[in-house]
């Protein structure tokens, strides 16, 4: 039985590839700012990395709701706010403070994953 977080991680990973390709091919003719295009790339890259982290967390630490929830919130807020800010910085300027909050959630997800695995992996070979 697949968990909700597994499905979120899979769909987030797939959409990060689609959004990354859109940024590389579809936005170049619409956005002339290299900095904004770089932000789009960062959003897609972080979304993909943390989608994989969410999948790993779901399998390695299935009971660690904190880590999985923080990764999910972080992906949504960090990457989502960057996508919106790149597309229309004026319309979505209120999303600016959401980006660092999302980044904090991503950091928190890693910390929650580490804390939740204390003692559980001490004797394992990694």
PDB file of N, CA and C in Angstrom:
ATOM      1  N   UNK A   1       0.845  -1.188   0.000  1.00  0.00           N
ATOM      2  CA  UNK A   1       0.000   0.000   0.000  1.00  0.00           C
ATOM      3  C   UNK A   1       0.887   1.247   0.000  1.00  0.00           C
ATOM      4  N   UNK A   2       0.643   2.096  -0.913  1.00  0.00           N
ATOM      5  CA  UNK A   2       1.422   3.321  -1.078  1.00  0.00           C
ATOM      6  C   UNK A   2       0.918   4.410  -0.135  1.00  0.00           C
ATOM      7  N   UNK A   3       1.844   5.137   0.459  1.00  0.00           N
ATOM      8  CA  UNK A   3       1.439   6.225   1.352  1.00  0.00           C
ATOM      9  C   UNK A   3       1.175   7.501   0.560  1.00  0.00           C
ATOM     10  N   UNK A   4       0.485   8.412   1.187  1.00  0.00           N
ATOM     11  CA  UNK A   4       0.217   9.713   0.573  1.00  0.00           C
ATOM     12  C   UNK A   4       1.521  10.437   0.279  1.00  0.00           C
ATOM     13  N   UNK A   5       2.493  10.341   1.199  1.00  0.00           N
ATOM     14  CA  UNK A   5       3.770  11.024   0.988  1.00  0.00           C
ATOM     15  C   UNK A   5       4.532  10.423  -0.188  1.00  0.00           C
ATOM     16  N   UNK A   6       4.394   9.120  -0.408  1.00  0.00           N
ATOM     17  CA  UNK A   6       5.034   8.487  -1.555  1.00  0.00           C
ATOM     18  C   UNK A   6       4.461   9.073  -2.843  1.00  0.00           C
ATOM     19  N   UNK A   7       3.143   9.170  -2.903  1.00  0.00           N
ATOM     20  CA  UNK A   7       2.485   9.737  -4.086  1.00  0.00           C
ATOM     21  C   UNK A   7       2.885  11.197  -4.288  1.00  0.00           C
ATOM     22  N   UNK A   8       2.928  11.970  -3.211  1.00  0.00           N
ATOM     23  CA  UNK A   8       3.338  13.372  -3.307  1.00  0.00           C
ATOM     24  C   UNK A   8       4.763  13.458  -3.839  1.00  0.00           C
ATOM     25  N   UNK A   9       5.658  12.634  -3.302  1.00  0.00           N
ATOM     26  CA  UNK A   9       7.049  12.641  -3.758  1.00  0.00           C
ATOM     27  C   UNK A   9       7.178  12.287  -5.230  1.00  0.00           C
ATOM     28  N   UNK A  10       6.428  11.267  -5.665  1.00  0.00           N
ATOM     29  CA  UNK A  10       6.473  10.867  -7.074  1.00  0.00           C
ATOM     30  C   UNK A  10       5.933  11.967  -7.987  1.00  0.00           C
ATOM     31  N   UNK A  11       4.783  12.517  -7.633  1.00  0.00           N
ATOM     32  CA  UNK A  11       4.184  13.572  -8.462  1.00  0.00           C
ATOM     33  C   UNK A  11       5.028  14.847  -8.441  1.00  0.00           C
ATOM     34  N   UNK A  12       5.620  15.152  -7.292  1.00  0.00           N
ATOM     35  CA  UNK A  12       6.485  16.320  -7.194  1.00  0.00           C
ATOM     36  C   UNK A  12       7.738  16.129  -8.049  1.00  0.00           C
ATOM     37  N   UNK A  13       8.294  14.922  -8.017  1.00  0.00           N
ATOM     38  CA  UNK A  13       9.467  14.638  -8.844  1.00  0.00           C
ATOM     39  C   UNK A  13       9.157  14.763 -10.325  1.00  0.00           C
ATOM     40  N   UNK A  14       8.031  14.204 -10.736  1.00  0.00           N
ATOM     41  CA  UNK A  14       7.636  14.291 -12.144  1.00  0.00           C
ATOM     42  C   UNK A  14       7.392  15.741 -12.553  1.00  0.00           C
ATOM     43  N   UNK A  15       6.690  16.488 -11.715  1.00  0.00           N
ATOM     44  CA  UNK A  15       6.396  17.879 -12.078  1.00  0.00           C
ATOM     45  C   UNK A  15       7.657  18.732 -12.068  1.00  0.00           C
ATOM     46  N   UNK A  16       8.650  18.377 -11.252  1.00  0.00           N
ATOM     47  CA  UNK A  16       9.892  19.152 -11.264  1.00  0.00           C
ATOM     48  C   UNK A  16      10.622  18.995 -12.592  1.00  0.00           C
ATOM     49  N   UNK A  17      10.548  17.813 -13.177  1.00  0.00           N
ATOM     50  CA  UNK A  17      11.171  17.594 -14.483  1.00  0.00           C
ATOM     51  C   UNK A  17      10.419  18.390 -15.550  1.00  0.00           C
ATOM     52  N   UNK A  18       9.094  18.351 -15.505  1.00  0.00           N
ATOM     53  CA  UNK A  18       8.284  19.112 -16.460  1.00  0.00           C
ATOM     54  C   UNK A  18       8.562  20.607 -16.317  1.00  0.00           C
ATOM     55  N   UNK A  19       8.560  21.098 -15.078  1.00  0.00           N
ATOM     56  CA  UNK A  19       8.791  22.529 -14.848  1.00  0.00           C
ATOM     57  C   UNK A  19      10.221  22.930 -15.204  1.00  0.00           C
ATOM     58  N   UNK A  20      11.177  22.048 -14.934  1.00  0.00           N
ATOM     59  CA  UNK A  20      12.556  22.331 -15.327  1.00  0.00           C
ATOM     60  C   UNK A  20      12.695  22.441 -16.836  1.00  0.00           C
ATOM     61  N   UNK A  21      12.049  21.531 -17.564  1.00  0.00           N
ATOM     62  CA  UNK A  21      12.087  21.581 -19.028  1.00  0.00           C
ATOM     63  C   UNK A  21      11.381  22.831 -19.548  1.00  0.00           C
ATOM     64  N   UNK A  22      10.265  23.167 -18.940  1.00  0.00           N
ATOM     65  CA  UNK A  22       9.564  24.387 -19.333  1.00  0.00           C
ATOM     66  C   UNK A  22      10.448  25.609 -19.116  1.00  0.00           C
ATOM     67  N   UNK A  23      11.156  25.637 -17.997  1.00  0.00           N
ATOM     68  CA  UNK A  23      12.056  26.755 -17.725  1.00  0.00           C
ATOM     69  C   UNK A  23      13.196  26.830 -18.719  1.00  0.00           C
ATOM     70  N   UNK A  24      13.715  25.669 -19.099  1.00  0.00           N
ATOM     71  CA  UNK A  24      14.850  25.637 -20.026  1.00  0.00           C
ATOM     72  C   UNK A  24      14.443  25.958 -21.455  1.00  0.00           C
ATOM     73  N   UNK A  25      13.218  25.613 -21.822  1.00  0.00           N
ATOM     74  CA  UNK A  25      12.815  25.773 -23.224  1.00  0.00           C
ATOM     75  C   UNK A  25      11.694  26.790 -23.431  1.00  0.00           C
ATOM     76  N   UNK A  26      10.720  26.802 -22.552  1.00  0.00           N
ATOM     77  CA  UNK A  26       9.549  27.643 -22.765  1.00  0.00           C
ATOM     78  C   UNK A  26       9.663  29.060 -22.239  1.00  0.00           C
ATOM     79  N   UNK A  27      10.493  29.250 -21.228  1.00  0.00           N
ATOM     80  CA  UNK A  27      10.581  30.584 -20.627  1.00  0.00           C
ATOM     81  C   UNK A  27      11.635  31.477 -21.269  1.00  0.00           C
ATOM     82  N   UNK A  28      12.583  30.886 -21.970  1.00  0.00           N
ATOM     83  CA  UNK A  28      13.672  31.691 -22.547  1.00  0.00           C
ATOM     84  C   UNK A  28      13.161  32.771 -23.485  1.00  0.00           C
ATOM     85  N   UNK A  29      12.088  32.498 -24.187  1.00  0.00           N
ATOM     86  CA  UNK A  29      11.553  33.494 -25.116  1.00  0.00           C
ATOM     87  C   UNK A  29      10.647  34.505 -24.412  1.00  0.00           C
ATOM     88  N   UNK A  30      10.240  34.215 -23.205  1.00  0.00           N
ATOM     89  CA  UNK A  30       9.308  35.088 -22.474  1.00  0.00           C
ATOM     90  C   UNK A  30       9.975  35.918 -21.385  1.00  0.00           C
ATOM     91  N   UNK A  31      11.060  35.393 -20.839  1.00  0.00           N
ATOM     92  CA  UNK A  31      11.729  36.081 -19.729  1.00  0.00           C
ATOM     93  C   UNK A  31      13.159  36.360 -20.144  1.00  0.00           C
ATOM     94  N   UNK A  32      13.531  37.628 -20.134  1.00  0.00           N
ATOM     95  CA  UNK A  32      14.865  38.008 -20.590  1.00  0.00           C
ATOM     96  C   UNK A  32      15.856  38.203 -19.441  1.00  0.00           C
ATOM     97  N   UNK A  33      15.418  38.000 -18.227  1.00  0.00           N
ATOM     98  CA  UNK A  33      16.295  38.189 -17.074  1.00  0.00           C
ATOM     99  C   UNK A  33      17.014  36.887 -16.721  1.00  0.00           C
ATOM    100  N   UNK A  34      18.348  36.876 -16.846  1.00  0.00           N
ATOM    101  CA  UNK A  34      19.098  35.678 -16.459  1.00  0.00           C
ATOM    102  C   UNK A  34      18.899  35.311 -14.980  1.00  0.00           C
ATOM    103  N   UNK A  35      18.750  36.320 -14.127  1.00  0.00           N
ATOM    104  CA  UNK A  35      18.557  36.049 -12.695  1.00  0.00           C
ATOM    105  C   UNK A  35      17.226  35.337 -12.449  1.00  0.00           C
ATOM    106  N   UNK A  36      16.174  35.769 -13.132  1.00  0.00           N
ATOM    107  CA  UNK A  36      14.871  35.115 -12.965  1.00  0.00           C
ATOM    108  C   UNK A  36      14.898  33.695 -13.509  1.00  0.00           C
ATOM    109  N   UNK A  37      15.561  33.484 -14.636  1.00  0.00           N
ATOM    110  CA  UNK A  37      15.687  32.130 -15.182  1.00  0.00           C
ATOM    111  C   UNK A  37      16.502  31.239 -14.244  1.00  0.00           C
ATOM    112  N   UNK A  38      17.525  31.809 -13.630  1.00  0.00           N
ATOM    113  CA  UNK A  38      18.319  31.047 -12.659  1.00  0.00           C
ATOM    114  C   UNK A  38      17.470  30.678 -11.441  1.00  0.00           C
ATOM    115  N   UNK A  39      16.590  31.573 -11.029  1.00  0.00           N
ATOM    116  CA  UNK A  39      15.700  31.270  -9.908  1.00  0.00           C
ATOM    117  C   UNK A  39      14.754  30.118 -10.258  1.00  0.00           C
ATOM    118  N   UNK A  40      14.279  30.100 -11.494  1.00  0.00           N
ATOM    119  CA  UNK A  40      13.415  29.000 -11.937  1.00  0.00           C
ATOM    120  C   UNK A  40      14.181  27.680 -11.861  1.00  0.00           C
ATOM    121  N   UNK A  41      15.425  27.713 -12.351  1.00  0.00           N
ATOM    122  CA  UNK A  41      16.274  26.518 -12.312  1.00  0.00           C
ATOM    123  C   UNK A  41      16.479  26.052 -10.871  1.00  0.00           C
ATOM    124  N   UNK A  42      16.728  26.995  -9.961  1.00  0.00           N
ATOM    125  CA  UNK A  42      16.910  26.659  -8.546  1.00  0.00           C
ATOM    126  C   UNK A  42      15.648  26.012  -7.989  1.00  0.00           C
ATOM    127  N   UNK A  43      14.493  26.569  -8.319  1.00  0.00           N
ATOM    128  CA  UNK A  43      13.224  26.015  -7.831  1.00  0.00           C
ATOM    129  C   UNK A  43      13.051  24.570  -8.300  1.00  0.00           C
ATOM    130  N   UNK A  44      13.313  24.314  -9.589  1.00  0.00           N
ATOM    131  CA  UNK A  44      13.151  22.960 -10.130  1.00  0.00           C
ATOM    132  C   UNK A  44      14.165  22.000  -9.518  1.00  0.00           C
ATOM    133  N   UNK A  45      15.387  22.472  -9.345  1.00  0.00           N
ATOM    134  CA  UNK A  45      16.441  21.630  -8.774  1.00  0.00           C
ATOM    135  C   UNK A  45      16.112  21.253  -7.328  1.00  0.00           C
ATOM    136  N   UNK A  46      15.721  22.229  -6.524  1.00  0.00           N
ATOM    137  CA  UNK A  46      15.375  21.953  -5.129  1.00  0.00           C
ATOM    138  C   UNK A  46      14.121  21.087  -5.035  1.00  0.00           C
ATOM    139  N   UNK A  47      13.171  21.297  -5.933  1.00  0.00           N
ATOM    140  CA  UNK A  47      11.973  20.472  -5.920  1.00  0.00           C
ATOM    141  C   UNK A  47      12.336  19.013  -6.194  1.00  0.00           C
ATOM    142  N   UNK A  48      13.193  18.777  -7.185  1.00  0.00           N
ATOM    143  CA  UNK A  48      13.578  17.416  -7.516  1.00  0.00           C
ATOM    144  C   UNK A  48      14.368  16.768  -6.375  1.00  0.00           C
ATOM    145  N   UNK A  49      15.344  17.493  -5.846  1.00  0.00           N
ATOM    146  CA  UNK A  49      16.155  16.937  -4.755  1.00  0.00           C
ATOM    147  C   UNK A  49      15.295  16.552  -3.556  1.00  0.00           C
ATOM    148  N   UNK A  50      14.365  17.423  -3.220  1.00  0.00           N
ATOM    149  CA  UNK A  50      13.570  17.173  -2.022  1.00  0.00           C
ATOM    150  C   UNK A  50      12.413  16.220  -2.275  1.00  0.00           C
ATOM    151  N   UNK A  51      12.043  16.049  -3.535  1.00  0.00           N
ATOM    152  CA  UNK A  51      11.090  14.984  -3.871  1.00  0.00           C
ATOM    153  C   UNK A  51      11.737  13.625  -3.593  1.00  0.00           C
ATOM    154  N   UNK A  52      12.990  13.487  -3.986  1.00  0.00           N
ATOM    155  CA  UNK A  52      13.733  12.255  -3.706  1.00  0.00           C
ATOM    156  C   UNK A  52      13.905  12.079  -2.199  1.00  0.00           C
ATOM    157  N   UNK A  53      14.221  13.162  -1.497  1.00  0.00           N
ATOM    158  CA  UNK A  53      14.361  13.082  -0.039  1.00  0.00           C
ATOM    159  C   UNK A  53      13.051  12.622   0.599  1.00  0.00           C
ATOM    160  N   UNK A  54      11.932  13.108   0.094  1.00  0.00           N
ATOM    161  CA  UNK A  54      10.632  12.702   0.614  1.00  0.00           C
ATOM    162  C   UNK A  54      10.405  11.211   0.367  1.00  0.00           C
ATOM    163  N   UNK A  55      10.767  10.711  -0.806  1.00  0.00           N
ATOM    164  CA  UNK A  55      10.629   9.293  -1.100  1.00  0.00           C
ATOM    165  C   UNK A  55      11.509   8.449  -0.182  1.00  0.00           C
ATOM    166  N   UNK A  56      12.735   8.887   0.038  1.00  0.00           N
ATOM    167  CA  UNK A  56      13.651   8.172   0.929  1.00  0.00           C
ATOM    168  C   UNK A  56      13.102   8.181   2.355  1.00  0.00           C
ATOM    169  N   UNK A  57      12.648   9.341   2.796  1.00  0.00           N
ATOM    170  CA  UNK A  57      12.093   9.445   4.152  1.00  0.00           C
ATOM    171  C   UNK A  57      10.885   8.542   4.316  1.00  0.00           C
ATOM    172  N   UNK A  58      10.051   8.463   3.295  1.00  0.00           N
ATOM    173  CA  UNK A  58       8.853   7.633   3.388  1.00  0.00           C
ATOM    174  C   UNK A  58       9.210   6.160   3.526  1.00  0.00           C
ATOM    175  N   UNK A  59      10.301   5.749   2.892  1.00  0.00           N
ATOM    176  CA  UNK A  59      10.710   4.342   2.969  1.00  0.00           C
ATOM    177  C   UNK A  59      11.594   4.059   4.178  1.00  0.00           C
ATOM    178  N   UNK A  60      12.527   4.948   4.466  1.00  0.00           N
ATOM    179  CA  UNK A  60      13.489   4.710   5.547  1.00  0.00           C
ATOM    180  C   UNK A  60      12.935   5.059   6.918  1.00  0.00           C
ATOM    181  N   UNK A  61      12.030   6.004   6.962  1.00  0.00           N
ATOM    182  CA  UNK A  61      11.477   6.457   8.244  1.00  0.00           C
ATOM    183  C   UNK A  61       9.973   6.692   8.099  1.00  0.00           C
ATOM    184  N   UNK A  62       9.215   5.626   7.835  1.00  0.00           N
ATOM    185  CA  UNK A  62       7.790   5.795   7.524  1.00  0.00           C
ATOM    186  C   UNK A  62       6.964   6.442   8.641  1.00  0.00           C
ATOM    187  N   UNK A  63       7.432   6.352   9.867  1.00  0.00           N
ATOM    188  CA  UNK A  63       6.685   6.945  10.985  1.00  0.00           C
ATOM    189  C   UNK A  63       7.095   8.386  11.268  1.00  0.00           C
ATOM    190  N   UNK A  64       8.102   8.890  10.555  1.00  0.00           N
ATOM    191  CA  UNK A  64       8.598  10.245  10.804  1.00  0.00           C
ATOM    192  C   UNK A  64       7.744  11.259  10.035  1.00  0.00           C
ATOM    193  N   UNK A  65       6.582  11.542  10.588  1.00  0.00           N
ATOM    194  CA  UNK A  65       5.637  12.476   9.956  1.00  0.00           C
ATOM    195  C   UNK A  65       6.223  13.879   9.896  1.00  0.00           C
ATOM    196  N   UNK A  66       7.020  14.257  10.901  1.00  0.00           N
ATOM    197  CA  UNK A  66       7.615  15.596  10.914  1.00  0.00           C
ATOM    198  C   UNK A  66       8.491  15.819   9.688  1.00  0.00           C
ATOM    199  N   UNK A  67       9.397  14.886   9.436  1.00  0.00           N
ATOM    200  CA  UNK A  67      10.309  15.044   8.297  1.00  0.00           C
ATOM    201  C   UNK A  67       9.527  15.103   6.987  1.00  0.00           C
ATOM    202  N   UNK A  68       8.595  14.185   6.812  1.00  0.00           N
ATOM    203  CA  UNK A  68       7.843  14.125   5.557  1.00  0.00           C
ATOM    204  C   UNK A  68       6.942  15.350   5.382  1.00  0.00           C
ATOM    205  N   UNK A  69       6.357  15.811   6.458  1.00  0.00           N
ATOM    206  CA  UNK A  69       5.501  17.003   6.375  1.00  0.00           C
ATOM    207  C   UNK A  69       6.317  18.256   6.092  1.00  0.00           C
ATOM    208  N   UNK A  70       7.478  18.357   6.735  1.00  0.00           N
ATOM    209  CA  UNK A  70       8.336  19.522   6.514  1.00  0.00           C
ATOM    210  C   UNK A  70       8.893  19.535   5.089  1.00  0.00           C
ATOM    211  N   UNK A  71       9.280  18.374   4.575  1.00  0.00           N
ATOM    212  CA  UNK A  71       9.738  18.313   3.183  1.00  0.00           C
ATOM    213  C   UNK A  71       8.618  18.733   2.235  1.00  0.00           C
ATOM    214  N   UNK A  72       7.403  18.241   2.472  1.00  0.00           N
ATOM    215  CA  UNK A  72       6.277  18.577   1.606  1.00  0.00           C
ATOM    216  C   UNK A  72       5.971  20.072   1.654  1.00  0.00           C
ATOM    217  N   UNK A  73       5.920  20.622   2.854  1.00  0.00           N
ATOM    218  CA  UNK A  73       5.653  22.062   2.995  1.00  0.00           C
ATOM    219  C   UNK A  73       6.781  22.878   2.376  1.00  0.00           C
ATOM    220  N   UNK A  74       8.008  22.443   2.594  1.00  0.00           N
ATOM    221  CA  UNK A  74       9.156  23.166   2.050  1.00  0.00           C
ATOM    222  C   UNK A  74       9.186  23.177   0.537  1.00  0.00           C
ATOM    223  N   UNK A  75       8.907  22.026  -0.073  1.00  0.00           N
ATOM    224  CA  UNK A  75       8.858  21.951  -1.538  1.00  0.00           C
ATOM    225  C   UNK A  75       7.807  22.928  -2.062  1.00  0.00           C
ATOM    226  N   UNK A  76       6.641  22.876  -1.450  1.00  0.00           N
ATOM    227  CA  UNK A  76       5.528  23.708  -1.908  1.00  0.00           C
ATOM    228  C   UNK A  76       5.843  25.191  -1.752  1.00  0.00           C
ATOM    229  N   UNK A  77       6.328  25.569  -0.570  1.00  0.00           N
ATOM    230  CA  UNK A  77       6.563  26.999  -0.316  1.00  0.00           C
ATOM    231  C   UNK A  77       7.811  27.516  -1.015  1.00  0.00           C
ATOM    232  N   UNK A  78       8.921  26.782  -0.925  1.00  0.00           N
ATOM    233  CA  UNK A  78      10.174  27.270  -1.505  1.00  0.00           C
ATOM    234  C   UNK A  78      10.076  27.298  -3.032  1.00  0.00           C
ATOM    235  N   UNK A  79       9.856  26.135  -3.627  1.00  0.00           N
ATOM    236  CA  UNK A  79       9.823  26.082  -5.086  1.00  0.00           C
ATOM    237  C   UNK A  79       8.594  26.799  -5.641  1.00  0.00           C
ATOM    238  N   UNK A  80       7.456  26.604  -5.011  1.00  0.00           N
ATOM    239  CA  UNK A  80       6.234  27.243  -5.494  1.00  0.00           C
ATOM    240  C   UNK A  80       6.325  28.754  -5.524  1.00  0.00           C
ATOM    241  N   UNK A  81       6.864  29.330  -4.457  1.00  0.00           N
ATOM    242  CA  UNK A  81       6.980  30.791  -4.428  1.00  0.00           C
ATOM    243  C   UNK A  81       7.978  31.287  -5.472  1.00  0.00           C
ATOM    244  N   UNK A  82       9.064  30.550  -5.674  1.00  0.00           N
ATOM    245  CA  UNK A  82      10.029  30.961  -6.700  1.00  0.00           C
ATOM    246  C   UNK A  82       9.416  30.893  -8.090  1.00  0.00           C
ATOM    247  N   UNK A  83       8.680  29.827  -8.384  1.00  0.00           N
ATOM    248  CA  UNK A  83       8.024  29.740  -9.695  1.00  0.00           C
ATOM    249  C   UNK A  83       7.123  30.943  -9.924  1.00  0.00           C
ATOM    250  N   UNK A  84       6.304  31.271  -8.931  1.00  0.00           N
ATOM    251  CA  UNK A  84       5.372  32.392  -9.079  1.00  0.00           C
ATOM    252  C   UNK A  84       6.109  33.718  -9.224  1.00  0.00           C
ATOM    253  N   UNK A  85       7.164  33.910  -8.446  1.00  0.00           N
ATOM    254  CA  UNK A  85       7.930  35.157  -8.515  1.00  0.00           C
ATOM    255  C   UNK A  85       8.631  35.315  -9.865  1.00  0.00           C
ATOM    256  N   UNK A  86       9.064  34.209 -10.447  1.00  0.00           N
ATOM    257  CA  UNK A  86       9.696  34.286 -11.765  1.00  0.00           C
ATOM    258  C   UNK A  86       8.654  34.633 -12.832  1.00  0.00           C
ATOM    259  N   UNK A  87       7.494  34.010 -12.747  1.00  0.00           N
ATOM    260  CA  UNK A  87       6.464  34.241 -13.761  1.00  0.00           C
ATOM    261  C   UNK A  87       5.928  35.666 -13.755  1.00  0.00           C
ATOM    262  N   UNK A  88       5.693  36.204 -12.547  1.00  0.00           N
ATOM    263  CA  UNK A  88       5.125  37.558 -12.454  1.00  0.00           C
ATOM    264  C   UNK A  88       5.522  38.191 -11.121  1.00  0.00           C
ATOM    265  N   UNK A  89       6.706  38.809 -11.090  1.00  0.00           N
ATOM    266  CA  UNK A  89       7.221  39.343  -9.824  1.00  0.00           C
ATOM    267  C   UNK A  89       6.328  40.415  -9.202  1.00  0.00           C
ATOM    268  N   UNK A  90       5.681  41.203 -10.006  1.00  0.00           N
ATOM    269  CA  UNK A  90       4.822  42.257  -9.450  1.00  0.00           C
ATOM    270  C   UNK A  90       3.550  41.677  -8.845  1.00  0.00           C
ATOM    271  N   UNK A  91       2.920  40.799  -9.576  1.00  0.00           N
ATOM    272  CA  UNK A  91       1.662  40.212  -9.104  1.00  0.00           C
ATOM    273  C   UNK A  91       1.853  39.366  -7.855  1.00  0.00           C
ATOM    274  N   UNK A  92       2.980  38.661  -7.768  1.00  0.00           N
ATOM    275  CA  UNK A  92       3.213  37.736  -6.667  1.00  0.00           C
ATOM    276  C   UNK A  92       4.278  38.229  -5.684  1.00  0.00           C
ATOM    277  N   UNK A  93       4.486  39.526  -5.609  1.00  0.00           N
ATOM    278  CA  UNK A  93       5.539  40.061  -4.725  1.00  0.00           C
ATOM    279  C   UNK A  93       5.333  39.682  -3.263  1.00  0.00           C
ATOM    280  N   UNK A  94       4.097  39.438  -2.860  1.00  0.00           N
ATOM    281  CA  UNK A  94       3.833  39.019  -1.479  1.00  0.00           C
ATOM    282  C   UNK A  94       4.355  37.617  -1.181  1.00  0.00           C
ATOM    283  N   UNK A  95       4.736  36.879  -2.227  1.00  0.00           N
ATOM    284  CA  UNK A  95       5.286  35.536  -2.044  1.00  0.00           C
ATOM    285  C   UNK A  95       6.755  35.570  -1.646  1.00  0.00           C
ATOM    286  N   UNK A  96       7.391  36.729  -1.756  1.00  0.00           N
ATOM    287  CA  UNK A  96       8.810  36.844  -1.422  1.00  0.00           C
ATOM    288  C   UNK A  96       9.170  36.276  -0.060  1.00  0.00           C
ATOM    289  N   UNK A  97       8.438  36.623   1.006  1.00  0.00           N
ATOM    290  CA  UNK A  97       8.765  36.078   2.326  1.00  0.00           C
ATOM    291  C   UNK A  97       8.471  34.580   2.466  1.00  0.00           C
ATOM    292  N   UNK A  98       7.706  34.022   1.556  1.00  0.00           N
ATOM    293  CA  UNK A  98       7.377  32.594   1.643  1.00  0.00           C
ATOM    294  C   UNK A  98       8.593  31.735   1.285  1.00  0.00           C
ATOM    295  N   UNK A  99       9.432  32.235   0.386  1.00  0.00           N
ATOM    296  CA  UNK A  99      10.594  31.460  -0.063  1.00  0.00           C
ATOM    297  C   UNK A  99      11.510  31.067   1.095  1.00  0.00           C
ATOM    298  N   UNK A 100      11.961  32.000   1.934  1.00  0.00           N
ATOM    299  CA  UNK A 100      12.822  31.576   3.045  1.00  0.00           C
ATOM    300  C   UNK A 100      12.094  30.716   4.080  1.00  0.00           C
ATOM    301  N   UNK A 101      10.801  30.912   4.226  1.00  0.00           N
ATOM    302  CA  UNK A 101      10.036  30.048   5.124  1.00  0.00           C
ATOM    303  C   UNK A 101      10.036  28.614   4.584  1.00  0.00           C
ATOM    304  N   UNK A 102       9.876  28.484   3.276  1.00  0.00           N
ATOM    305  CA  UNK A 102       9.957  27.163   2.654  1.00  0.00           C
ATOM    306  C   UNK A 102      11.339  26.550   2.815  1.00  0.00           C
ATOM    307  N   UNK A 103      12.369  27.364   2.659  1.00  0.00           N
ATOM    308  CA  UNK A 103      13.735  26.872   2.862  1.00  0.00           C
ATOM    309  C   UNK A 103      13.959  26.404   4.284  1.00  0.00           C
ATOM    310  N   UNK A 104      13.379  27.112   5.231  1.00  0.00           N
ATOM    311  CA  UNK A 104      13.478  26.712   6.640  1.00  0.00           C
ATOM    312  C   UNK A 104      12.785  25.371   6.855  1.00  0.00           C
ATOM    313  N   UNK A 105      11.660  25.166   6.201  1.00  0.00           N
ATOM    314  CA  UNK A 105      10.972  23.871   6.295  1.00  0.00           C
ATOM    315  C   UNK A 105      11.832  22.749   5.716  1.00  0.00           C
ATOM    316  N   UNK A 106      12.508  23.010   4.598  1.00  0.00           N
ATOM    317  CA  UNK A 106      13.383  21.994   4.018  1.00  0.00           C
ATOM    318  C   UNK A 106      14.507  21.637   4.982  1.00  0.00           C
ATOM    319  N   UNK A 107      15.113  22.641   5.570  1.00  0.00           N
ATOM    320  CA  UNK A 107      16.164  22.394   6.570  1.00  0.00           C
ATOM    321  C   UNK A 107      15.592  21.602   7.740  1.00  0.00           C
ATOM    322  N   UNK A 108      14.418  22.003   8.194  1.00  0.00           N
ATOM    323  CA  UNK A 108      13.762  21.301   9.291  1.00  0.00           C
ATOM    324  C   UNK A 108      13.465  19.851   8.953  1.00  0.00           C
ATOM    325  N   UNK A 109      13.114  19.574   7.704  1.00  0.00           N
ATOM    326  CA  UNK A 109      12.874  18.196   7.283  1.00  0.00           C
ATOM    327  C   UNK A 109      14.123  17.339   7.420  1.00  0.00           C
ATOM    328  N   UNK A 110      15.260  17.900   7.016  1.00  0.00           N
ATOM    329  CA  UNK A 110      16.523  17.158   7.167  1.00  0.00           C
ATOM    330  C   UNK A 110      16.856  16.928   8.640  1.00  0.00           C
ATOM    331  N   UNK A 111      16.645  17.950   9.448  1.00  0.00           N
ATOM    332  CA  UNK A 111      16.933  17.815  10.889  1.00  0.00           C
ATOM    333  C   UNK A 111      15.983  16.796  11.519  1.00  0.00           C
ATOM    334  N   UNK A 112      14.709  16.866  11.182  1.00  0.00           N
ATOM    335  CA  UNK A 112      13.738  15.902  11.713  1.00  0.00           C
ATOM    336  C   UNK A 112      14.084  14.484  11.274  1.00  0.00           C
ATOM    337  N   UNK A 113      14.576  14.329  10.050  1.00  0.00           N
ATOM    338  CA  UNK A 113      14.980  13.013   9.575  1.00  0.00           C
ATOM    339  C   UNK A 113      16.175  12.500  10.382  1.00  0.00           C
ATOM    340  N   UNK A 114      17.130  13.380  10.653  1.00  0.00           N
ATOM    341  CA  UNK A 114      18.306  12.990  11.438  1.00  0.00           C
ATOM    342  C   UNK A 114      17.927  12.639  12.877  1.00  0.00           C
ATOM    343  N   UNK A 115      17.122  13.471  13.498  1.00  0.00           N
ATOM    344  CA  UNK A 115      16.724  13.228  14.890  1.00  0.00           C
ATOM    345  C   UNK A 115      15.883  11.956  14.987  1.00  0.00           C
ATOM    346  N   UNK A 116      14.995  11.767  14.028  1.00  0.00           N
ATOM    347  CA  UNK A 116      14.136  10.589  14.046  1.00  0.00           C
ATOM    348  C   UNK A 116      14.866   9.291  13.814  1.00  0.00           C
ATOM    349  N   UNK A 117      16.055   9.349  13.245  1.00  0.00           N
ATOM    350  CA  UNK A 117      16.801   8.126  12.967  1.00  0.00           C
ATOM    351  C   UNK A 117      17.876   7.843  14.009  1.00  0.00           C
ATOM    352  N   UNK A 118      17.993   8.700  15.032  1.00  0.00           N
ATOM    353  CA  UNK A 118      18.997   8.457  16.078  1.00  0.00           C
ATOM    354  C   UNK A 118      18.800   7.095  16.710  1.00  0.00           C
ATOM    355  N   UNK A 119      19.879   6.360  16.818  1.00  0.00           N
ATOM    356  CA  UNK A 119      19.834   5.048  17.451  1.00  0.00           C
ATOM    357  C   UNK A 119      19.313   3.953  16.545  1.00  0.00           C
ATOM    358  N   UNK A 120      18.539   4.304  15.561  1.00  0.00           N
ATOM    359  CA  UNK A 120      17.957   3.303  14.665  1.00  0.00           C
ATOM    360  C   UNK A 120      18.967   2.819  13.644  1.00  0.00           C
ATOM    361  N   UNK A 121      19.917   3.668  13.266  1.00  0.00           N
ATOM    362  CA  UNK A 121      20.882   3.267  12.239  1.00  0.00           C
ATOM    363  C   UNK A 121      22.298   3.093  12.793  1.00  0.00           C
ATOM    364  N   UNK A 122      22.433   3.191  14.107  1.00  0.00           N
ATOM    365  CA  UNK A 122      23.766   3.136  14.716  1.00  0.00           C
ATOM    366  C   UNK A 122      24.477   1.818  14.389  1.00  0.00           C
ATOM    367  N   UNK A 123      23.779   0.704  14.394  1.00  0.00           N
ATOM    368  CA  UNK A 123      24.406  -0.578  14.149  1.00  0.00           C
ATOM    369  C   UNK A 123      24.354  -1.019  12.701  1.00  0.00           C
ATOM    370  N   UNK A 124      23.746  -0.241  11.848  1.00  0.00           N
ATOM    371  CA  UNK A 124      23.614  -0.654  10.451  1.00  0.00           C
ATOM    372  C   UNK A 124      24.844  -0.257   9.650  1.00  0.00           C
ATOM    373  N   UNK A 125      25.021  -0.922   8.545  1.00  0.00           N
ATOM    374  CA  UNK A 125      26.114  -0.572   7.633  1.00  0.00           C
ATOM    375  C   UNK A 125      25.527   0.248   6.511  1.00  0.00           C
ATOM    376  N   UNK A 126      25.989   1.462   6.368  1.00  0.00           N
ATOM    377  CA  UNK A 126      25.485   2.326   5.298  1.00  0.00           C
ATOM    378  C   UNK A 126      26.481   2.485   4.200  1.00  0.00           C
TER     379      UNK A 126
END
